[in-house]
Every structure is written in C-alpha cells, then in structure tokens.
PDB file of N, CA and C in Angstrom:
ATOM      1  N   UNK A   1     219.410  20.681 116.549  1.00  0.00           N
ATOM      2  CA  UNK A   1     219.805  19.320 116.812  1.00  0.00           C
ATOM      3  C   UNK A   1     221.122  18.615 117.351  1.00  0.00           C
ATOM      4  N   UNK A   2     221.610  19.193 118.231  1.00  0.00           N
ATOM      5  CA  UNK A   2     222.853  19.191 118.877  1.00  0.00           C
ATOM      6  C   UNK A   2     222.743  19.661 119.978  1.00  0.00           C
ATOM      7  N   UNK A   3     221.736  20.251 120.557  1.00  0.00           N
ATOM      8  CA  UNK A   3     221.343  20.413 121.913  1.00  0.00           C
ATOM      9  C   UNK A   3     220.625  19.379 122.472  1.00  0.00           C
ATOM     10  N   UNK A   4     219.276  19.213 121.452  1.00  0.00           N
ATOM     11  CA  UNK A   4     218.027  18.015 122.213  1.00  0.00           C
ATOM     12  C   UNK A   4     219.918  16.673 122.291  1.00  0.00           C
ATOM     13  N   UNK A   5     220.446  16.176 121.165  1.00  0.00           N
ATOM     14  CA  UNK A   5     221.209  15.320 121.536  1.00  0.00           C
ATOM     15  C   UNK A   5     222.112  15.172 122.368  1.00  0.00           C
ATOM     16  N   UNK A   6     222.312  16.264 123.138  1.00  0.00           N
ATOM     17  CA  UNK A   6     223.698  16.828 124.235  1.00  0.00           C
ATOM     18  C   UNK A   6     222.400  16.418 124.974  1.00  0.00           C
ATOM     19  N   UNK A   7     221.203  17.155 125.614  1.00  0.00           N
ATOM     20  CA  UNK A   7     220.299  16.983 127.013  1.00  0.00           C
ATOM     21  C   UNK A   7     219.974  15.719 126.905  1.00  0.00           C
ATOM     22  N   UNK A   8     220.161  14.560 124.865  1.00  0.00           N
ATOM     23  CA  UNK A   8     219.531  12.727 125.616  1.00  0.00           C
ATOM     24  C   UNK A   8     220.510  12.451 126.014  1.00  0.00           C
ATOM     25  N   UNK A   9     221.803  12.500 125.539  1.00  0.00           N
ATOM     26  CA  UNK A   9     222.731  11.894 126.633  1.00  0.00           C
ATOM     27  C   UNK A   9     223.233  12.689 128.310  1.00  0.00           C
ATOM     28  N   UNK A  10     222.228  13.612 128.478  1.00  0.00           N
ATOM     29  CA  UNK A  10     223.093  14.329 129.767  1.00  0.00           C
ATOM     30  C   UNK A  10     221.727  13.386 130.286  1.00  0.00           C
ATOM     31  N   UNK A  11     220.870  12.699 130.176  1.00  0.00           N
ATOM     32  CA  UNK A  11     219.822  12.190 131.172  1.00  0.00           C
ATOM     33  C   UNK A  11     220.014  11.451 130.587  1.00  0.00           C
ATOM     34  N   UNK A  12     221.025   9.868 129.617  1.00  0.00           N
ATOM     35  CA  UNK A  12     221.472   8.646 130.213  1.00  0.00           C
ATOM     36  C   UNK A  12     222.115   8.797 131.065  1.00  0.00           C
ATOM     37  N   UNK A  13     223.431   9.618 130.827  1.00  0.00           N
ATOM     38  CA  UNK A  13     224.156   9.396 132.113  1.00  0.00           C
ATOM     39  C   UNK A  13     223.121   9.365 133.722  1.00  0.00           C
ATOM     40  N   UNK A  14     222.210  10.738 133.445  1.00  0.00           N
ATOM     41  CA  UNK A  14     221.776  10.451 134.614  1.00  0.00           C
ATOM     42  C   UNK A  14     221.207   9.342 135.014  1.00  0.00           C
ATOM     43  N   UNK A  15     220.603   8.534 134.004  1.00  0.00           N
ATOM     44  CA  UNK A  15     220.099   6.729 134.603  1.00  0.00           C
ATOM     45  C   UNK A  15     220.491   6.283 134.680  1.00  0.00           C
ATOM     46  N   UNK A  16     222.136   6.462 134.146  1.00  0.00           N
ATOM     47  CA  UNK A  16     223.233   5.442 134.162  1.00  0.00           C
ATOM     48  C   UNK A  16     223.460   5.412 135.620  1.00  0.00           C
ATOM     49  N   UNK A  17     223.471   7.044 136.846  1.00  0.00           N
ATOM     50  CA  UNK A  17     224.042   7.190 138.276  1.00  0.00           C
ATOM     51  C   UNK A  17     222.496   6.707 138.871  1.00  0.00           C
ATOM     52  N   UNK A  18     221.794   7.184 138.521  1.00  0.00           N
ATOM     53  CA  UNK A  18     220.608   6.558 139.121  1.00  0.00           C
ATOM     54  C   UNK A  18     220.014   4.968 139.359  1.00  0.00           C
ATOM     55  N   UNK A  19     221.223   3.875 137.934  1.00  0.00           N
ATOM     56  CA  UNK A  19     220.532   2.941 138.052  1.00  0.00           C
ATOM     57  C   UNK A  19     221.506   2.456 138.858  1.00  0.00           C
ATOM     58  N   UNK A  20     222.915   2.804 139.253  1.00  0.00           N
ATOM     59  CA  UNK A  20     223.903   2.579 139.570  1.00  0.00           C
ATOM     60  C   UNK A  20     223.898   2.410 141.327  1.00  0.00           C
ATOM     61  N   UNK A  21     223.917   3.394 141.630  1.00  0.00           N
ATOM     62  CA  UNK A  21     222.877   4.072 143.433  1.00  0.00           C
ATOM     63  C   UNK A  21     221.717   2.956 143.420  1.00  0.00           C
ATOM     64  N   UNK A  22     220.863   2.875 143.066  1.00  0.00           N
ATOM     65  CA  UNK A  22     220.264   1.679 143.083  1.00  0.00           C
ATOM     66  C   UNK A  22     220.423   0.805 143.245  1.00  0.00           C
ATOM     67  N   UNK A  23     220.725  -0.512 142.356  1.00  0.00           N
ATOM     68  CA  UNK A  23     221.486  -1.166 142.460  1.00  0.00           C
ATOM     69  C   UNK A  23     222.272  -1.595 143.897  1.00  0.00           C
ATOM     70  N   UNK A  24     223.677  -0.627 144.408  1.00  0.00           N
ATOM     71  CA  UNK A  24     224.716  -0.801 145.297  1.00  0.00           C
ATOM     72  C   UNK A  24     223.135  -0.861 146.386  1.00  0.00           C
ATOM     73  N   UNK A  25     222.640  -0.010 146.858  1.00  0.00           N
ATOM     74  CA  UNK A  25     221.385  -0.042 147.328  1.00  0.00           C
ATOM     75  C   UNK A  25     220.571  -1.348 147.673  1.00  0.00           C
ATOM     76  N   UNK A  26     219.948  -1.329 146.534  1.00  0.00           N
ATOM     77  CA  UNK A  26     219.407  -2.905 146.808  1.00  0.00           C
ATOM     78  C   UNK A  26     220.385  -4.112 146.857  1.00  0.00           C
ATOM     79  N   UNK A  27     222.035  -3.381 146.903  1.00  0.00           N
ATOM     80  CA  UNK A  27     222.555  -5.163 147.563  1.00  0.00           C
ATOM     81  C   UNK A  27     223.392  -4.944 148.933  1.00  0.00           C
ATOM     82  N   UNK A  28     223.203  -3.607 149.095  1.00  0.00           N
ATOM     83  CA  UNK A  28     223.094  -3.500 150.375  1.00  0.00           C
ATOM     84  C   UNK A  28     222.178  -4.319 151.311  1.00  0.00           C
ATOM     85  N   UNK A  29     220.771  -3.955 151.196  1.00  0.00           N
ATOM     86  CA  UNK A  29     219.144  -3.940 151.803  1.00  0.00           C
ATOM     87  C   UNK A  29     219.572  -5.988 152.001  1.00  0.00           C
ATOM     88  N   UNK A  30     220.091  -6.445 150.961  1.00  0.00           N
ATOM     89  CA  UNK A  30     220.331  -8.104 150.524  1.00  0.00           C
ATOM     90  C   UNK A  30     221.004  -8.814 151.513  1.00  0.00           C
ATOM     91  N   UNK A  31     222.249  -7.831 150.921  1.00  0.00           N
ATOM     92  CA  UNK A  31     223.379  -8.175 152.673  1.00  0.00           C
ATOM     93  C   UNK A  31     222.825  -8.327 153.908  1.00  0.00           C
ATOM     94  N   UNK A  32     222.711  -7.114 153.859  1.00  0.00           N
ATOM     95  CA  UNK A  32     221.699  -6.909 155.498  1.00  0.00           C
ATOM     96  C   UNK A  32     221.073  -7.962 156.540  1.00  0.00           C
ATOM     97  N   UNK A  33     220.160  -8.239 155.152  1.00  0.00           N
ATOM     98  CA  UNK A  33     218.682  -9.087 155.507  1.00  0.00           C
ATOM     99  C   UNK A  33     219.156 -10.638 155.671  1.00  0.00           C
ATOM    100  N   UNK A  34     220.101 -10.957 154.497  1.00  0.00           N
ATOM    101  CA  UNK A  34     220.844 -11.995 154.991  1.00  0.00           C
ATOM    102  C   UNK A  34     221.809 -12.006 156.123  1.00  0.00           C
ATOM    103  N   UNK A  35     222.575 -11.402 156.213  1.00  0.00           N
ATOM    104  CA  UNK A  35     223.273 -11.045 157.502  1.00  0.00           C
ATOM    105  C   UNK A  35     222.120 -11.859 158.753  1.00  0.00           C
ATOM    106  N   UNK A  36     221.668 -10.741 158.683  1.00  0.00           N
ATOM    107  CA  UNK A  36     220.547 -10.652 159.868  1.00  0.00           C
ATOM    108  C   UNK A  36     219.457 -11.670 160.247  1.00  0.00           C
ATOM    109  N   UNK A  37     218.770 -12.332 159.418  1.00  0.00           N
ATOM    110  CA  UNK A  37     218.512 -13.423 158.762  1.00  0.00           C
ATOM    111  C   UNK A  37     219.533 -14.879 159.560  1.00  0.00           C
ATOM    112  N   UNK A  38     220.854 -14.308 159.206  1.00  0.00           N
ATOM    113  CA  UNK A  38     221.641 -16.070 159.808  1.00  0.00           C
ATOM    114  C   UNK A  38     221.693 -15.392 161.228  1.00  0.00           C
ATOM    115  N   UNK A  39     222.252 -14.550 161.924  1.00  0.00           N
ATOM    116  CA  UNK A  39     222.004 -14.614 163.152  1.00  0.00           C
ATOM    117  C   UNK A  39     220.763 -14.883 163.769  1.00  0.00           C
ATOM    118  N   UNK A  40     219.226 -14.480 163.346  1.00  0.00           N
ATOM    119  CA  UNK A  40     218.749 -15.087 163.542  1.00  0.00           C
ATOM    120  C   UNK A  40     218.827 -16.681 163.504  1.00  0.00           C
ATOM    121  N   UNK A  41     218.386 -17.425 162.181  1.00  0.00           N
ATOM    122  CA  UNK A  41     218.522 -18.439 162.872  1.00  0.00           C
ATOM    123  C   UNK A  41     219.218 -19.506 163.373  1.00  0.00           C
ATOM    124  N   UNK A  42     220.757 -18.778 163.055  1.00  0.00           N
ATOM    125  CA  UNK A  42     221.471 -19.482 165.354  1.00  0.00           C
ATOM    126  C   UNK A  42     221.117 -19.334 165.930  1.00  0.00           C
ATOM    127  N   UNK A  43     220.336 -17.764 166.303  1.00  0.00           N
ATOM    128  CA  UNK A  43     220.433 -17.542 167.734  1.00  0.00           C
ATOM    129  C   UNK A  43     221.548 -17.016 167.849  1.00  0.00           C
ATOM    130  N   UNK A  44     221.904 -16.247 167.565  1.00  0.00           N
ATOM    131  CA  UNK A  44     223.201 -15.473 167.769  1.00  0.00           C
ATOM    132  C   UNK A  44     222.509 -14.053 168.087  1.00  0.00           C
ATOM    133  N   UNK A  45     222.975 -13.363 169.097  1.00  0.00           N
ATOM    134  CA  UNK A  45     222.629 -12.492 169.209  1.00  0.00           C
ATOM    135  C   UNK A  45     223.921 -10.806 169.171  1.00  0.00           C
ATOM    136  N   UNK A  46     224.940 -11.749 168.505  1.00  0.00           N
ATOM    137  CA  UNK A  46     226.536 -10.737 168.454  1.00  0.00           C
ATOM    138  C   UNK A  46     226.017  -9.837 166.969  1.00  0.00           C
ATOM    139  N   UNK A  47     226.590  -9.135 167.681  1.00  0.00           N
ATOM    140  CA  UNK A  47     226.461  -7.985 166.481  1.00  0.00           C
ATOM    141  C   UNK A  47     227.564  -9.009 164.717  1.00  0.00           C
ATOM    142  N   UNK A  48     226.870  -8.514 164.025  1.00  0.00           N
ATOM    143  CA  UNK A  48     227.759  -8.511 162.450  1.00  0.00           C
ATOM    144  C   UNK A  48     228.828  -7.906 162.319  1.00  0.00           C
ATOM    145  N   UNK A  49     229.608  -7.807 160.925  1.00  0.00           N
ATOM    146  CA  UNK A  49     230.681  -6.536 160.497  1.00  0.00           C
ATOM    147  C   UNK A  49     229.674  -6.096 159.278  1.00  0.00           C
ATOM    148  N   UNK A  50     229.662  -4.866 159.550  1.00  0.00           N
ATOM    149  CA  UNK A  50     229.198  -4.210 158.686  1.00  0.00           C
ATOM    150  C   UNK A  50     229.860  -3.637 157.651  1.00  0.00           C
ATOM    151  N   UNK A  51     230.983  -3.342 157.703  1.00  0.00           N
ATOM    152  CA  UNK A  51     232.155  -2.843 157.543  1.00  0.00           C
ATOM    153  C   UNK A  51     231.806  -3.488 155.595  1.00  0.00           C
ATOM    154  N   UNK A  52     231.700  -4.460 155.254  1.00  0.00           N
ATOM    155  CA  UNK A  52     231.956  -5.059 153.938  1.00  0.00           C
ATOM    156  C   UNK A  52     230.531  -4.338 152.721  1.00  0.00           C
ATOM    157  N   UNK A  53     229.636  -4.545 153.818  1.00  0.00           N
ATOM    158  CA  UNK A  53     228.262  -3.670 153.118  1.00  0.00           C
ATOM    159  C   UNK A  53     228.326  -2.116 153.068  1.00  0.00           C
ATOM    160  N   UNK A  54     229.093  -1.867 154.180  1.00  0.00           N
ATOM    161  CA  UNK A  54     228.735   0.317 153.971  1.00  0.00           C
ATOM    162  C   UNK A  54     229.964   0.319 153.088  1.00  0.00           C
ATOM    163  N   UNK A  55     231.098  -0.729 153.073  1.00  0.00           N
ATOM    164  CA  UNK A  55     231.740  -0.796 151.906  1.00  0.00           C
ATOM    165  C   UNK A  55     231.485  -0.529 150.520  1.00  0.00           C
ATOM    166  N   UNK A  56     231.305  -1.482 150.621  1.00  0.00           N
ATOM    167  CA  UNK A  56     229.864  -1.565 148.960  1.00  0.00           C
ATOM    168  C   UNK A  56     228.883  -0.755 148.816  1.00  0.00           C
ATOM    169  N   UNK A  57     228.255  -0.180 149.684  1.00  0.00           N
ATOM    170  CA  UNK A  57     227.732   1.183 149.291  1.00  0.00           C
ATOM    171  C   UNK A  57     227.811   2.206 148.490  1.00  0.00           C
ATOM    172  N   UNK A  58     228.880   2.127 149.517  1.00  0.00           N
ATOM    173  CA  UNK A  58     230.002   3.376 149.706  1.00  0.00           C
ATOM    174  C   UNK A  58     230.803   3.717 148.027  1.00  0.00           C
ATOM    175  N   UNK A  59     230.677   2.429 147.807  1.00  0.00           N
ATOM    176  CA  UNK A  59     231.873   2.659 146.173  1.00  0.00           C
ATOM    177  C   UNK A  59     230.452   2.690 145.332  1.00  0.00           C
ATOM    178  N   UNK A  60     229.582   2.621 145.630  1.00  0.00           N
ATOM    179  CA  UNK A  60     228.051   1.989 144.366  1.00  0.00           C
ATOM    180  C   UNK A  60     228.005   4.324 144.864  1.00  0.00           C
ATOM    181  N   UNK A  61     228.302   4.322 145.431  1.00  0.00           N
ATOM    182  CA  UNK A  61     227.362   6.417 145.703  1.00  0.00           C
ATOM    183  C   UNK A  61     227.963   7.119 145.252  1.00  0.00           C
ATOM    184  N   UNK A  62     229.545   7.064 145.350  1.00  0.00           N
ATOM    185  CA  UNK A  62     230.673   7.241 144.492  1.00  0.00           C
ATOM    186  C   UNK A  62     230.726   7.323 143.668  1.00  0.00           C
ATOM    187  N   UNK A  63     230.794   6.424 142.346  1.00  0.00           N
ATOM    188  CA  UNK A  63     230.087   5.897 141.302  1.00  0.00           C
ATOM    189  C   UNK A  63     229.450   7.071 140.666  1.00  0.00           C
ATOM    190  N   UNK A  64     228.143   7.150 141.578  1.00  0.00           N
ATOM    191  CA  UNK A  64     227.042   6.976 141.031  1.00  0.00           C
ATOM    192  C   UNK A  64     227.231   7.973 141.023  1.00  0.00           C
ATOM    193  N   UNK A  65     227.663   9.154 142.151  1.00  0.00           N
ATOM    194  CA  UNK A  65     227.667  10.099 142.503  1.00  0.00           C
ATOM    195  C   UNK A  65     228.943  11.604 140.639  1.00  0.00           C
ATOM    196  N   UNK A  66     229.700  10.423 140.499  1.00  0.00           N
ATOM    197  CA  UNK A  66     230.773  11.218 139.661  1.00  0.00           C
ATOM    198  C   UNK A  66     230.151  10.836 138.373  1.00  0.00           C
ATOM    199  N   UNK A  67     228.852   9.972 137.688  1.00  0.00           N
ATOM    200  CA  UNK A  67     228.029  10.516 136.862  1.00  0.00           C
ATOM    201  C   UNK A  67     227.037  11.060 136.610  1.00  0.00           C
ATOM    202  N   UNK A  68     226.569  11.534 138.295  1.00  0.00           N
ATOM    203  CA  UNK A  68     226.065  12.625 138.335  1.00  0.00           C
ATOM    204  C   UNK A  68     227.066  14.249 138.152  1.00  0.00           C
ATOM    205  N   UNK A  69     227.676  14.465 137.783  1.00  0.00           N
ATOM    206  CA  UNK A  69     228.993  15.412 137.794  1.00  0.00           C
ATOM    207  C   UNK A  69     229.128  15.414 136.534  1.00  0.00           C
ATOM    208  N   UNK A  70     229.028  14.408 135.826  1.00  0.00           N
ATOM    209  CA  UNK A  70     229.130  14.144 134.045  1.00  0.00           C
ATOM    210  C   UNK A  70     227.806  14.812 133.536  1.00  0.00           C
ATOM    211  N   UNK A  71     226.788  14.174 133.861  1.00  0.00           N
ATOM    212  CA  UNK A  71     225.565  14.251 133.850  1.00  0.00           C
ATOM    213  C   UNK A  71     225.471  15.781 133.273  1.00  0.00           C
ATOM    214  N   UNK A  72     225.610  16.483 135.131  1.00  0.00           N
ATOM    215  CA  UNK A  72     225.169  17.636 134.874  1.00  0.00           C
ATOM    216  C   UNK A  72     226.382  18.616 133.598  1.00  0.00           C
ATOM    217  N   UNK A  73     227.440  18.523 134.292  1.00  0.00           N
ATOM    218  CA  UNK A  73     228.213  19.166 133.357  1.00  0.00           C
ATOM    219  C   UNK A  73     227.644  19.358 131.074  1.00  0.00           C
ATOM    220  N   UNK A  74     227.073  17.977 130.990  1.00  0.00           N
ATOM    221  CA  UNK A  74     227.000  18.117 130.306  1.00  0.00           C
ATOM    222  C   UNK A  74     225.782  19.131 129.285  1.00  0.00           C
ATOM    223  N   UNK A  75     224.543  19.018 130.855  1.00  0.00           N
ATOM    224  CA  UNK A  75     223.849  19.786 130.906  1.00  0.00           C
ATOM    225  C   UNK A  75     223.663  21.615 130.622  1.00  0.00           C
ATOM    226  N   UNK A  76     225.568  21.713 131.470  1.00  0.00           N
ATOM    227  CA  UNK A  76     225.027  23.370 131.025  1.00  0.00           C
ATOM    228  C   UNK A  76     226.296  23.587 130.014  1.00  0.00           C
ATOM    229  N   UNK A  77     226.926  22.180 129.331  1.00  0.00           N
ATOM    230  CA  UNK A  77     226.883  22.701 128.170  1.00  0.00           C
ATOM    231  C   UNK A  77     226.342  22.977 127.148  1.00  0.00           C
ATOM    232  N   UNK A  78     224.558  22.397 127.192  1.00  0.00           N
ATOM    233  CA  UNK A  78     223.791  22.832 126.185  1.00  0.00           C
ATOM    234  C   UNK A  78     223.161  24.506 126.673  1.00  0.00           C
ATOM    235  N   UNK A  79     222.857  24.406 127.965  1.00  0.00           N
ATOM    236  CA  UNK A  79     222.439  25.707 128.332  1.00  0.00           C
ATOM    237  C   UNK A  79     223.547  26.886 129.365  1.00  0.00           C
ATOM    238  N   UNK A  80     224.213  27.175 128.491  1.00  0.00           N
ATOM    239  CA  UNK A  80     225.024  28.267 129.382  1.00  0.00           C
ATOM    240  C   UNK A  80     225.211  29.267 130.094  1.00  0.00           C
ATOM    241  N   UNK A  81     224.329  29.495 130.418  1.00  0.00           N
ATOM    242  CA  UNK A  81     223.776  30.904 130.527  1.00  0.00           C
ATOM    243  C   UNK A  81     224.003  31.055 132.659  1.00  0.00           C
ATOM    244  N   UNK A  82     224.481  32.209 132.548  1.00  0.00           N
ATOM    245  CA  UNK A  82     224.956  32.325 134.593  1.00  0.00           C
ATOM    246  C   UNK A  82     224.218  31.516 135.205  1.00  0.00           C
ATOM    247  N   UNK A  83     223.549  31.588 135.669  1.00  0.00           N
ATOM    248  CA  UNK A  83     222.388  30.488 136.527  1.00  0.00           C
ATOM    249  C   UNK A  83     223.599  29.256 136.750  1.00  0.00           C
ATOM    250  N   UNK A  84     223.159  28.061 135.002  1.00  0.00           N
ATOM    251  CA  UNK A  84     222.945  27.440 134.706  1.00  0.00           C
ATOM    252  C   UNK A  84     224.615  27.030 135.401  1.00  0.00           C
ATOM    253  N   UNK A  85     225.451  27.846 134.848  1.00  0.00           N
ATOM    254  CA  UNK A  85     227.019  27.739 135.861  1.00  0.00           C
ATOM    255  C   UNK A  85     226.686  28.016 137.991  1.00  0.00           C
ATOM    256  N   UNK A  86     226.361  29.053 137.589  1.00  0.00           N
ATOM    257  CA  UNK A  86     225.749  28.994 139.429  1.00  0.00           C
ATOM    258  C   UNK A  86     225.785  27.673 139.887  1.00  0.00           C
ATOM    259  N   UNK A  87     224.542  27.097 139.458  1.00  0.00           N
ATOM    260  CA  UNK A  87     224.247  26.001 140.061  1.00  0.00           C
ATOM    261  C   UNK A  87     224.683  24.630 140.242  1.00  0.00           C
ATOM    262  N   UNK A  88     225.741  24.512 138.785  1.00  0.00           N
ATOM    263  CA  UNK A  88     226.631  24.034 138.378  1.00  0.00           C
ATOM    264  C   UNK A  88     227.703  23.350 139.371  1.00  0.00           C
ATOM    265  N   UNK A  89     227.749  24.650 139.729  1.00  0.00           N
ATOM    266  CA  UNK A  89     229.087  24.978 140.685  1.00  0.00           C
ATOM    267  C   UNK A  89     228.823  24.903 141.802  1.00  0.00           C
ATOM    268  N   UNK A  90     227.633  24.974 142.254  1.00  0.00           N
ATOM    269  CA  UNK A  90     226.744  24.798 143.107  1.00  0.00           C
ATOM    270  C   UNK A  90     226.880  23.464 144.120  1.00  0.00           C
ATOM    271  N   UNK A  91     226.118  22.586 142.490  1.00  0.00           N
ATOM    272  CA  UNK A  91     226.215  21.102 142.656  1.00  0.00           C
ATOM    273  C   UNK A  91     227.416  20.313 142.222  1.00  0.00           C
ATOM    274  N   UNK A  92     228.455  20.597 141.629  1.00  0.00           N
ATOM    275  CA  UNK A  92     229.834  20.278 141.755  1.00  0.00           C
ATOM    276  C   UNK A  92     230.716  20.229 143.042  1.00  0.00           C
ATOM    277  N   UNK A  93     230.244  21.943 144.527  1.00  0.00           N
ATOM    278  CA  UNK A  93     230.602  21.585 144.616  1.00  0.00           C
ATOM    279  C   UNK A  93     230.434  20.478 145.673  1.00  0.00           C
ATOM    280  N   UNK A  94     228.694  20.572 146.021  1.00  0.00           N
ATOM    281  CA  UNK A  94     228.984  20.100 146.935  1.00  0.00           C
ATOM    282  C   UNK A  94     229.072  18.124 146.999  1.00  0.00           C
ATOM    283  N   UNK A  95     229.230  17.487 145.649  1.00  0.00           N
ATOM    284  CA  UNK A  95     228.992  16.311 145.373  1.00  0.00           C
ATOM    285  C   UNK A  95     230.113  16.416 145.460  1.00  0.00           C
ATOM    286  N   UNK A  96     231.341  16.711 145.236  1.00  0.00           N
ATOM    287  CA  UNK A  96     232.567  16.824 145.427  1.00  0.00           C
ATOM    288  C   UNK A  96     233.365  16.599 146.950  1.00  0.00           C
ATOM    289  N   UNK A  97     232.194  17.365 147.813  1.00  0.00           N
ATOM    290  CA  UNK A  97     232.875  17.881 149.512  1.00  0.00           C
ATOM    291  C   UNK A  97     232.315  15.733 149.480  1.00  0.00           C
ATOM    292  N   UNK A  98     231.248  15.802 149.434  1.00  0.00           N
ATOM    293  CA  UNK A  98     230.446  14.360 149.475  1.00  0.00           C
ATOM    294  C   UNK A  98     231.315  13.332 149.060  1.00  0.00           C
ATOM    295  N   UNK A  99     231.524  13.136 147.853  1.00  0.00           N
ATOM    296  CA  UNK A  99     232.815  11.704 147.167  1.00  0.00           C
ATOM    297  C   UNK A  99     234.203  12.117 147.819  1.00  0.00           C
ATOM    298  N   UNK A 100     234.860  13.654 148.439  1.00  0.00           N
ATOM    299  CA  UNK A 100     235.524  13.745 149.099  1.00  0.00           C
ATOM    300  C   UNK A 100     235.727  12.939 150.609  1.00  0.00           C
ATOM    301  N   UNK A 101     234.736  12.737 151.340  1.00  0.00           N
ATOM    302  CA  UNK A 101     233.968  12.027 152.305  1.00  0.00           C
ATOM    303  C   UNK A 101     233.459  10.674 152.297  1.00  0.00           C
ATOM    304  N   UNK A 102     232.715  10.184 151.040  1.00  0.00           N
ATOM    305  CA  UNK A 102     232.419   8.900 150.771  1.00  0.00           C
ATOM    306  C   UNK A 102     233.666   8.681 151.191  1.00  0.00           C
ATOM    307  N   UNK A 103     234.828   9.564 149.932  1.00  0.00           N
ATOM    308  CA  UNK A 103     236.378   8.315 150.001  1.00  0.00           C
ATOM    309  C   UNK A 103     237.131   7.840 151.278  1.00  0.00           C
ATOM    310  N   UNK A 104     236.704   9.571 151.436  1.00  0.00           N
ATOM    311  CA  UNK A 104     237.410   8.830 152.675  1.00  0.00           C
ATOM    312  C   UNK A 104     237.027   7.732 153.771  1.00  0.00           C
ATOM    313  N   UNK A 105     235.753   7.426 153.833  1.00  0.00           N
ATOM    314  CA  UNK A 105     235.213   6.846 154.723  1.00  0.00           C
ATOM    315  C   UNK A 105     235.715   5.154 154.151  1.00  0.00           C
ATOM    316  N   UNK A 106     235.441   5.423 153.266  1.00  0.00           N
ATOM    317  CA  UNK A 106     236.217   3.826 152.510  1.00  0.00           C
ATOM    318  C   UNK A 106     237.312   3.288 152.398  1.00  0.00           C
ATOM    319  N   UNK A 107     238.667   4.499 152.523  1.00  0.00           N
ATOM    320  CA  UNK A 107     239.540   4.028 152.570  1.00  0.00           C
ATOM    321  C   UNK A 107     239.455   4.166 153.890  1.00  0.00           C
ATOM    322  N   UNK A 108     239.223   4.693 154.784  1.00  0.00           N
ATOM    323  CA  UNK A 108     238.851   4.234 156.234  1.00  0.00           C
ATOM    324  C   UNK A 108     239.099   2.635 156.872  1.00  0.00           C
ATOM    325  N   UNK A 109     237.503   2.226 156.189  1.00  0.00           N
ATOM    326  CA  UNK A 109     237.230   1.111 156.266  1.00  0.00           C
ATOM    327  C   UNK A 109     238.090  -0.447 155.418  1.00  0.00           C
ATOM    328  N   UNK A 110     239.390   0.185 154.427  1.00  0.00           N
ATOM    329  CA  UNK A 110     240.001  -0.579 153.770  1.00  0.00           C
ATOM    330  C   UNK A 110     241.187  -1.208 154.405  1.00  0.00           C
ATOM    331  N   UNK A 111     241.657  -0.141 155.168  1.00  0.00           N
ATOM    332  CA  UNK A 111     242.561   0.113 156.312  1.00  0.00           C
ATOM    333  C   UNK A 111     242.696  -0.165 157.912  1.00  0.00           C
ATOM    334  N   UNK A 112     241.797  -0.850 158.041  1.00  0.00           N
ATOM    335  CA  UNK A 112     240.907  -1.320 159.428  1.00  0.00           C
ATOM    336  C   UNK A 112     241.048  -2.927 158.953  1.00  0.00           C
TER     337      UNK A 112
END
C-alpha cells in the first residue's frame, strides 16, 4: 500500500516537472514570436536581445530538473534495488551537471 502511494507521489512530482518545463518552453516561444513579429512590423532588421528569454527558459528548465531529481529519489525509495540505485546515481549526476551548467549560464546572463 505504501509503495503505491509513493509511486503515485513520484508520478505527481514528475508531472509537475513536465508542466514547469513545458510552460517555460511555451512562454519562450511566445516571447520569441512576439519579438520577431514586432521586428517585422517595425521593418527593423536589427537583432533583438534574447537574453531575458534565455534566462526565463533556463530558470524553468532548472526548476523542472530539480523536480525530476526529487521524483527519481521517490521512485528509488519504492524499489531500492542495486540496479535502481545505479540508475538513480547516473541520472542525478547527469542532471546535476546539467543544472550546474544552466545555473552558470543564467548567472553569467544576469551579470551582463
């Protein structure tokens, strides 16, 4: 019974992560389209600054990744086999590196 509850919670956390990431991507697409349309209407060939859009998208991706790590930890609690622990370790390492790179990118954009 407890394992089913933990699996359900893990699934919920994964879904929240997906929603956060999809929301960030949709917002970024809308902002890029608005900027491009504004440039087109103004007849301006000058490139606009993507930095705010990249910062927003990176923040959403980073938050989504954190939720996915939490969901993976919950799944491992449910089925703590050696294979599951190895998979979790690999996923956490990959997502941690990705989070680190994204966070540094966001910080460098903020300081510019």
